[in-house]
Amino acid sequence: MICVVQRVSSASVEVESPQHKSSIKSGLLVLAAAEPSDDDAVITWTVNKLVNLRIFADDSGRMNRSVQDIEGEVLLISQFTLAGNCNKGHRPSFIGAAPPEQAAPMIEQLGRGIRSTGVPVQTGVFGATMRVTSVNEGPVTIIVQRTDDR
């Protein structure tokens, strides 16, 4: 699973069809792509990493607090294009992304896992064209991807 994580003071998503709107205040905007080799262990690892990632300032101004510590929220957006490969030619290949029938349940499992830690989660709509708006604080943007052998 590939996640691009942004520390935000606010973020929202709008979908026209079906009509849907979600927003958060302080927390994390997480853009997530499932990969074909992802399994429960990868999702559990990703949940743990996201909720404990210390990228929020403590009283000394150091990045030492997590989204849990600040009682923040997560806006989780499925984004298969993160798995795009641009090594050959000028048009990305998306064969590295899990197919929709595999990816949708994994993204849902990721959201449930985050919620189970007590962090509120808002979402977009899987497979829909979405408009995402965010105010990135810092800016702080981190790529979270487990790269060790499974």
N, C-alpha and C. Protein backbone atom coordinates (compact mmCIF):
# COMPACT_ATOMS: atom_id res chain seq x y z
N MET A 1 0.86 -1.17 0.00
CA MET A 1 0.00 0.00 0.00
C MET A 1 0.90 1.22 0.00
N ILE A 2 0.52 2.16 -0.84
CA ILE A 2 1.26 3.42 -0.94
C ILE A 2 0.35 4.51 -0.39
N CYS A 3 0.86 5.31 0.54
CA CYS A 3 0.08 6.43 1.08
C CYS A 3 0.90 7.71 1.00
N VAL A 4 0.28 8.75 0.51
CA VAL A 4 0.85 10.09 0.60
C VAL A 4 0.06 10.77 1.70
N VAL A 5 0.79 11.22 2.72
CA VAL A 5 0.18 11.76 3.93
C VAL A 5 0.55 13.23 4.06
N GLN A 6 -0.47 14.06 4.21
CA GLN A 6 -0.24 15.48 4.41
C GLN A 6 -0.80 15.92 5.75
N ARG A 7 0.00 16.70 6.48
CA ARG A 7 -0.48 17.31 7.72
C ARG A 7 -1.31 18.52 7.31
N VAL A 8 -2.58 18.53 7.72
CA VAL A 8 -3.47 19.60 7.27
C VAL A 8 -4.17 20.29 8.43
N SER A 9 -4.50 21.56 8.21
CA SER A 9 -5.36 22.26 9.16
C SER A 9 -6.82 22.11 8.74
N SER A 10 -7.04 21.73 7.47
CA SER A 10 -8.38 21.38 6.98
C SER A 10 -8.24 20.67 5.65
N ALA A 11 -9.22 19.84 5.34
CA ALA A 11 -9.27 19.16 4.05
C ALA A 11 -10.70 18.74 3.78
N SER A 12 -11.05 18.69 2.50
CA SER A 12 -12.39 18.26 2.14
C SER A 12 -12.37 17.57 0.78
N VAL A 13 -13.42 16.81 0.53
CA VAL A 13 -13.58 16.14 -0.75
C VAL A 13 -15.03 16.30 -1.19
N GLU A 14 -15.20 16.54 -2.49
CA GLU A 14 -16.53 16.64 -3.07
C GLU A 14 -16.61 15.68 -4.24
N VAL A 15 -17.76 15.01 -4.35
CA VAL A 15 -18.04 14.10 -5.45
C VAL A 15 -19.40 14.49 -6.00
N GLU A 16 -19.49 14.64 -7.33
CA GLU A 16 -20.77 15.02 -7.93
C GLU A 16 -21.70 13.82 -8.07
N SER A 17 -21.17 12.70 -8.53
CA SER A 17 -22.04 11.55 -8.76
C SER A 17 -21.38 10.30 -8.22
N PRO A 18 -21.88 9.68 -7.17
CA PRO A 18 -23.04 10.12 -6.39
C PRO A 18 -22.66 11.31 -5.51
N GLN A 19 -23.61 12.16 -5.22
CA GLN A 19 -23.35 13.37 -4.44
C GLN A 19 -22.80 12.99 -3.06
N HIS A 20 -21.66 13.56 -2.72
CA HIS A 20 -20.98 13.21 -1.46
C HIS A 20 -20.05 14.36 -1.10
N LYS A 21 -19.98 14.67 0.17
CA LYS A 21 -19.02 15.67 0.65
C LYS A 21 -18.57 15.28 2.04
N SER A 22 -17.27 15.32 2.26
CA SER A 22 -16.68 15.05 3.57
C SER A 22 -15.63 16.11 3.85
N SER A 23 -15.43 16.40 5.13
CA SER A 23 -14.39 17.37 5.48
C SER A 23 -13.87 17.06 6.88
N ILE A 24 -12.63 17.51 7.10
CA ILE A 24 -12.02 17.41 8.42
C ILE A 24 -11.39 18.74 8.76
N LYS A 25 -11.11 18.90 10.04
CA LYS A 25 -10.33 20.04 10.49
C LYS A 25 -8.90 19.54 10.63
N SER A 26 -8.22 19.81 11.69
CA SER A 26 -6.82 19.43 11.87
C SER A 26 -6.64 17.92 11.84
N GLY A 27 -5.63 17.48 11.09
CA GLY A 27 -5.36 16.05 11.02
C GLY A 27 -4.54 15.69 9.82
N LEU A 28 -4.91 14.54 9.21
CA LEU A 28 -4.16 14.01 8.09
C LEU A 28 -5.05 13.83 6.87
N LEU A 29 -4.56 14.27 5.72
CA LEU A 29 -5.14 13.90 4.45
C LEU A 29 -4.30 12.72 3.96
N VAL A 30 -4.95 11.57 3.76
CA VAL A 30 -4.25 10.35 3.35
C VAL A 30 -4.77 9.94 1.98
N LEU A 31 -3.89 10.00 0.98
CA LEU A 31 -4.19 9.49 -0.35
C LEU A 31 -3.59 8.10 -0.40
N ALA A 32 -4.41 7.08 -0.69
CA ALA A 32 -3.96 5.69 -0.56
C ALA A 32 -4.22 4.89 -1.82
N ALA A 33 -3.21 4.10 -2.21
CA ALA A 33 -3.33 3.17 -3.33
C ALA A 33 -3.02 1.77 -2.84
N ALA A 34 -3.91 0.84 -3.13
CA ALA A 34 -3.68 -0.56 -2.80
C ALA A 34 -2.90 -1.21 -3.93
N GLU A 35 -2.00 -2.11 -3.56
CA GLU A 35 -1.21 -2.87 -4.52
C GLU A 35 -1.63 -4.33 -4.47
N PRO A 36 -1.46 -5.07 -5.58
CA PRO A 36 -1.93 -6.46 -5.62
C PRO A 36 -1.36 -7.36 -4.52
N SER A 37 -0.16 -7.10 -4.05
CA SER A 37 0.47 -7.95 -3.04
C SER A 37 0.07 -7.58 -1.60
N ASP A 38 -0.71 -6.53 -1.43
CA ASP A 38 -1.11 -6.11 -0.07
C ASP A 38 -1.97 -7.19 0.59
N ASP A 39 -1.76 -7.32 1.90
CA ASP A 39 -2.53 -8.29 2.68
C ASP A 39 -2.88 -7.66 4.02
N ASP A 40 -3.49 -8.45 4.91
CA ASP A 40 -3.90 -7.93 6.21
C ASP A 40 -2.72 -7.35 6.99
N ALA A 41 -1.56 -8.00 6.90
CA ALA A 41 -0.38 -7.53 7.63
C ALA A 41 0.06 -6.14 7.15
N VAL A 42 0.00 -5.92 5.85
CA VAL A 42 0.37 -4.61 5.30
C VAL A 42 -0.62 -3.55 5.76
N ILE A 43 -1.89 -3.88 5.75
CA ILE A 43 -2.91 -2.91 6.17
C ILE A 43 -2.75 -2.60 7.66
N THR A 44 -2.52 -3.61 8.48
CA THR A 44 -2.31 -3.39 9.92
C THR A 44 -1.09 -2.51 10.14
N TRP A 45 0.00 -2.78 9.43
CA TRP A 45 1.22 -1.98 9.54
C TRP A 45 0.93 -0.53 9.15
N THR A 46 0.18 -0.34 8.06
CA THR A 46 -0.12 1.00 7.57
C THR A 46 -0.99 1.77 8.56
N VAL A 47 -1.99 1.11 9.12
CA VAL A 47 -2.83 1.75 10.15
C VAL A 47 -1.96 2.23 11.30
N ASN A 48 -1.11 1.35 11.82
CA ASN A 48 -0.24 1.69 12.95
C ASN A 48 0.67 2.87 12.61
N LYS A 49 1.23 2.85 11.41
CA LYS A 49 2.14 3.92 10.99
C LYS A 49 1.38 5.24 10.90
N LEU A 50 0.20 5.23 10.29
CA LEU A 50 -0.55 6.47 10.10
C LEU A 50 -0.98 7.10 11.42
N VAL A 51 -1.54 6.32 12.32
CA VAL A 51 -2.06 6.91 13.55
C VAL A 51 -0.96 7.30 14.54
N ASN A 52 0.24 6.74 14.36
CA ASN A 52 1.34 7.04 15.28
C ASN A 52 2.43 7.91 14.68
N LEU A 53 2.29 8.29 13.42
CA LEU A 53 3.28 9.12 12.75
C LEU A 53 3.39 10.47 13.44
N ARG A 54 4.57 10.78 13.97
CA ARG A 54 4.75 11.99 14.78
C ARG A 54 5.16 13.16 13.89
N ILE A 55 4.16 13.82 13.32
CA ILE A 55 4.43 14.95 12.42
C ILE A 55 3.71 16.23 12.85
N PHE A 56 3.15 16.22 14.06
CA PHE A 56 2.51 17.42 14.60
C PHE A 56 3.39 18.01 15.69
N ALA A 57 3.38 19.32 15.80
CA ALA A 57 4.27 20.02 16.74
C ALA A 57 3.86 19.80 18.19
N ASP A 58 4.87 19.63 19.03
CA ASP A 58 4.64 19.61 20.48
C ASP A 58 4.76 21.04 21.00
N ASP A 59 4.78 21.20 22.32
CA ASP A 59 4.84 22.54 22.90
C ASP A 59 6.14 23.27 22.58
N SER A 60 7.19 22.52 22.20
CA SER A 60 8.47 23.13 21.84
C SER A 60 8.59 23.40 20.35
N GLY A 61 7.53 23.06 19.59
CA GLY A 61 7.56 23.29 18.16
C GLY A 61 8.20 22.16 17.36
N ARG A 62 8.56 21.07 18.04
CA ARG A 62 9.17 19.91 17.37
C ARG A 62 8.09 18.95 16.91
N MET A 63 8.32 18.31 15.76
CA MET A 63 7.37 17.30 15.29
C MET A 63 7.50 16.08 16.18
N ASN A 64 6.60 15.99 17.15
CA ASN A 64 6.72 14.96 18.17
C ASN A 64 5.36 14.40 18.58
N ARG A 65 4.28 14.81 17.89
CA ARG A 65 2.94 14.36 18.26
C ARG A 65 2.26 13.72 17.05
N SER A 66 1.39 12.75 17.34
CA SER A 66 0.67 12.03 16.29
C SER A 66 -0.73 12.59 16.13
N VAL A 67 -1.45 12.10 15.12
CA VAL A 67 -2.84 12.51 14.93
C VAL A 67 -3.68 12.08 16.13
N GLN A 68 -3.33 10.96 16.76
CA GLN A 68 -4.01 10.55 17.98
C GLN A 68 -3.75 11.55 19.11
N ASP A 69 -2.49 11.95 19.25
CA ASP A 69 -2.11 12.87 20.33
C ASP A 69 -2.85 14.19 20.24
N ILE A 70 -3.07 14.69 19.03
CA ILE A 70 -3.72 15.99 18.88
C ILE A 70 -5.24 15.86 18.77
N GLU A 71 -5.73 14.61 18.87
CA GLU A 71 -7.16 14.33 18.70
C GLU A 71 -7.66 14.85 17.36
N GLY A 72 -6.83 14.58 16.32
CA GLY A 72 -7.16 15.00 14.97
C GLY A 72 -8.00 13.98 14.23
N GLU A 73 -8.22 14.26 12.96
CA GLU A 73 -9.05 13.43 12.11
C GLU A 73 -8.25 13.00 10.88
N VAL A 74 -8.80 12.05 10.13
CA VAL A 74 -8.19 11.60 8.88
C VAL A 74 -9.23 11.72 7.77
N LEU A 75 -8.81 12.30 6.64
CA LEU A 75 -9.59 12.25 5.41
C LEU A 75 -8.88 11.25 4.51
N LEU A 76 -9.51 10.11 4.27
CA LEU A 76 -8.93 9.00 3.51
C LEU A 76 -9.51 8.99 2.10
N ILE A 77 -8.62 9.12 1.12
CA ILE A 77 -9.02 9.18 -0.29
C ILE A 77 -8.31 8.07 -1.05
N SER A 78 -9.06 7.22 -1.71
CA SER A 78 -8.48 6.19 -2.57
C SER A 78 -7.92 6.85 -3.82
N GLN A 79 -6.67 6.54 -4.16
CA GLN A 79 -6.04 7.16 -5.33
C GLN A 79 -5.10 6.17 -5.99
N PHE A 80 -5.65 5.36 -6.92
CA PHE A 80 -4.87 4.32 -7.57
C PHE A 80 -3.70 4.88 -8.36
N THR A 81 -3.75 6.15 -8.75
CA THR A 81 -2.68 6.72 -9.57
C THR A 81 -1.35 6.79 -8.83
N LEU A 82 -1.35 6.64 -7.51
CA LEU A 82 -0.08 6.62 -6.77
C LEU A 82 0.77 5.43 -7.18
N ALA A 83 0.13 4.39 -7.69
CA ALA A 83 0.86 3.19 -8.13
C ALA A 83 1.31 3.30 -9.59
N GLY A 84 1.14 4.47 -10.17
CA GLY A 84 1.54 4.68 -11.56
C GLY A 84 3.05 4.59 -11.74
N ASN A 85 3.45 3.97 -12.83
CA ASN A 85 4.87 3.83 -13.16
C ASN A 85 5.14 4.66 -14.40
N CYS A 86 6.08 5.59 -14.29
CA CYS A 86 6.41 6.51 -15.38
C CYS A 86 7.80 6.24 -15.96
N ASN A 87 8.35 5.06 -15.71
CA ASN A 87 9.71 4.78 -16.16
C ASN A 87 9.85 4.71 -17.67
N LYS A 88 8.84 4.20 -18.36
CA LYS A 88 8.90 4.09 -19.82
C LYS A 88 7.88 5.02 -20.45
N GLY A 89 8.30 5.73 -21.47
CA GLY A 89 7.38 6.60 -22.20
C GLY A 89 6.90 7.76 -21.36
N HIS A 90 5.80 8.34 -21.81
CA HIS A 90 5.27 9.53 -21.15
C HIS A 90 3.88 9.32 -20.59
N ARG A 91 3.34 8.13 -20.78
CA ARG A 91 2.02 7.81 -20.23
C ARG A 91 2.21 6.81 -19.11
N PRO A 92 1.73 7.11 -17.91
CA PRO A 92 1.93 6.19 -16.79
C PRO A 92 1.24 4.85 -17.01
N SER A 93 1.86 3.81 -16.49
CA SER A 93 1.25 2.49 -16.46
C SER A 93 0.71 2.26 -15.06
N PHE A 94 -0.50 1.74 -14.96
CA PHE A 94 -1.13 1.55 -13.66
C PHE A 94 -1.27 0.07 -13.30
N ILE A 95 -0.44 -0.79 -13.93
CA ILE A 95 -0.54 -2.21 -13.62
C ILE A 95 -0.08 -2.53 -12.20
N GLY A 96 0.60 -1.59 -11.55
CA GLY A 96 1.04 -1.77 -10.17
C GLY A 96 -0.07 -1.55 -9.15
N ALA A 97 -1.22 -1.05 -9.60
CA ALA A 97 -2.35 -0.83 -8.70
C ALA A 97 -3.21 -2.08 -8.64
N ALA A 98 -3.74 -2.36 -7.47
CA ALA A 98 -4.66 -3.48 -7.33
C ALA A 98 -5.91 -3.19 -8.14
N PRO A 99 -6.51 -4.22 -8.75
CA PRO A 99 -7.75 -3.99 -9.48
C PRO A 99 -8.86 -3.55 -8.52
N PRO A 100 -9.87 -2.83 -9.03
CA PRO A 100 -10.90 -2.27 -8.15
C PRO A 100 -11.56 -3.28 -7.21
N GLU A 101 -11.84 -4.47 -7.70
CA GLU A 101 -12.51 -5.47 -6.85
C GLU A 101 -11.64 -5.92 -5.68
N GLN A 102 -10.33 -5.76 -5.79
CA GLN A 102 -9.42 -6.08 -4.70
C GLN A 102 -9.12 -4.83 -3.87
N ALA A 103 -8.98 -3.69 -4.54
CA ALA A 103 -8.57 -2.46 -3.87
C ALA A 103 -9.66 -1.88 -2.97
N ALA A 104 -10.90 -1.88 -3.42
CA ALA A 104 -11.99 -1.26 -2.64
C ALA A 104 -12.09 -1.85 -1.24
N PRO A 105 -12.11 -3.19 -1.08
CA PRO A 105 -12.17 -3.73 0.29
C PRO A 105 -10.94 -3.40 1.13
N MET A 106 -9.76 -3.29 0.48
CA MET A 106 -8.55 -2.96 1.23
C MET A 106 -8.58 -1.53 1.74
N ILE A 107 -9.07 -0.60 0.92
CA ILE A 107 -9.17 0.80 1.36
C ILE A 107 -10.20 0.90 2.48
N GLU A 108 -11.31 0.17 2.35
CA GLU A 108 -12.32 0.15 3.43
C GLU A 108 -11.73 -0.42 4.72
N GLN A 109 -10.93 -1.48 4.60
CA GLN A 109 -10.28 -2.09 5.77
C GLN A 109 -9.31 -1.10 6.41
N LEU A 110 -8.59 -0.34 5.59
CA LEU A 110 -7.69 0.68 6.12
C LEU A 110 -8.48 1.71 6.94
N GLY A 111 -9.59 2.17 6.41
CA GLY A 111 -10.43 3.13 7.13
C GLY A 111 -10.97 2.57 8.43
N ARG A 112 -11.45 1.32 8.40
CA ARG A 112 -11.96 0.68 9.63
C ARG A 112 -10.84 0.54 10.65
N GLY A 113 -9.65 0.19 10.19
CA GLY A 113 -8.51 0.04 11.10
C GLY A 113 -8.16 1.35 11.79
N ILE A 114 -8.16 2.44 11.04
CA ILE A 114 -7.88 3.75 11.64
C ILE A 114 -8.96 4.10 12.65
N ARG A 115 -10.22 3.91 12.26
CA ARG A 115 -11.34 4.20 13.18
C ARG A 115 -11.23 3.39 14.47
N SER A 116 -10.77 2.15 14.36
CA SER A 116 -10.68 1.28 15.54
C SER A 116 -9.71 1.81 16.58
N THR A 117 -8.82 2.73 16.19
CA THR A 117 -7.88 3.33 17.13
C THR A 117 -8.48 4.55 17.83
N GLY A 118 -9.70 4.93 17.42
CA GLY A 118 -10.35 6.10 17.99
C GLY A 118 -10.19 7.37 17.18
N VAL A 119 -9.46 7.30 16.08
CA VAL A 119 -9.27 8.47 15.22
C VAL A 119 -10.45 8.53 14.24
N PRO A 120 -11.19 9.65 14.22
CA PRO A 120 -12.31 9.78 13.28
C PRO A 120 -11.80 9.80 11.83
N VAL A 121 -12.54 9.14 10.95
CA VAL A 121 -12.17 9.03 9.54
C VAL A 121 -13.34 9.48 8.67
N GLN A 122 -13.05 10.35 7.73
CA GLN A 122 -13.97 10.71 6.66
C GLN A 122 -13.38 10.16 5.37
N THR A 123 -14.22 9.92 4.37
CA THR A 123 -13.72 9.31 3.13
C THR A 123 -14.31 9.99 1.90
N GLY A 124 -13.68 9.67 0.79
CA GLY A 124 -14.23 10.00 -0.51
C GLY A 124 -15.11 8.84 -0.95
N VAL A 125 -15.32 8.71 -2.27
CA VAL A 125 -16.10 7.63 -2.84
C VAL A 125 -15.19 6.84 -3.77
N PHE A 126 -15.00 5.55 -3.47
CA PHE A 126 -14.09 4.73 -4.26
C PHE A 126 -14.50 4.74 -5.73
N GLY A 127 -13.53 5.00 -6.60
CA GLY A 127 -13.75 4.94 -8.03
C GLY A 127 -14.39 6.17 -8.64
N ALA A 128 -14.78 7.13 -7.83
CA ALA A 128 -15.43 8.34 -8.34
C ALA A 128 -14.38 9.39 -8.68
N THR A 129 -14.77 10.32 -9.53
CA THR A 129 -13.95 11.50 -9.77
C THR A 129 -14.22 12.46 -8.62
N MET A 130 -13.15 12.86 -7.93
CA MET A 130 -13.30 13.67 -6.71
C MET A 130 -12.52 14.97 -6.84
N ARG A 131 -12.99 15.97 -6.11
CA ARG A 131 -12.25 17.22 -5.96
C ARG A 131 -11.81 17.31 -4.50
N VAL A 132 -10.51 17.27 -4.31
CA VAL A 132 -9.95 17.29 -2.96
C VAL A 132 -9.32 18.66 -2.74
N THR A 133 -9.65 19.27 -1.62
CA THR A 133 -9.10 20.56 -1.24
C THR A 133 -8.44 20.40 0.12
N SER A 134 -7.24 21.00 0.27
CA SER A 134 -6.58 20.89 1.56
C SER A 134 -5.73 22.12 1.84
N VAL A 135 -5.51 22.35 3.13
CA VAL A 135 -4.55 23.35 3.58
C VAL A 135 -3.45 22.57 4.27
N ASN A 136 -2.34 22.40 3.57
CA ASN A 136 -1.21 21.62 4.06
C ASN A 136 -0.40 22.50 5.00
N GLU A 137 -0.25 22.06 6.24
CA GLU A 137 0.47 22.84 7.24
C GLU A 137 1.95 22.45 7.23
N GLY A 138 2.79 23.42 7.07
CA GLY A 138 4.23 23.20 7.10
C GLY A 138 4.93 23.78 5.88
N PRO A 139 4.75 23.23 4.72
CA PRO A 139 4.00 22.01 4.40
C PRO A 139 4.74 20.76 4.86
N VAL A 140 3.96 19.78 5.27
CA VAL A 140 4.50 18.47 5.64
C VAL A 140 3.78 17.43 4.79
N THR A 141 4.55 16.72 3.98
CA THR A 141 4.04 15.65 3.14
C THR A 141 5.00 14.47 3.24
N ILE A 142 4.46 13.31 3.59
CA ILE A 142 5.27 12.11 3.83
C ILE A 142 4.72 10.97 2.97
N ILE A 143 5.61 10.15 2.41
CA ILE A 143 5.19 8.93 1.73
C ILE A 143 5.34 7.78 2.71
N VAL A 144 4.26 7.04 2.90
CA VAL A 144 4.27 5.88 3.79
C VAL A 144 4.05 4.63 2.93
N GLN A 145 5.05 3.77 2.93
CA GLN A 145 4.96 2.52 2.16
C GLN A 145 5.88 1.51 2.79
N ARG A 146 5.33 0.37 3.14
CA ARG A 146 6.13 -0.70 3.71
C ARG A 146 6.94 -1.33 2.58
N THR A 147 8.25 -1.35 2.75
CA THR A 147 9.12 -1.84 1.67
C THR A 147 9.89 -3.10 2.05
N ASP A 148 9.77 -3.57 3.29
CA ASP A 148 10.52 -4.75 3.69
C ASP A 148 9.84 -6.01 3.15
N ASP A 149 10.54 -7.13 3.24
CA ASP A 149 9.97 -8.40 2.81
C ASP A 149 8.82 -8.75 3.72
N ARG A 150 7.78 -9.32 3.12
CA ARG A 150 6.58 -9.67 3.90
C ARG A 150 6.70 -11.09 4.31
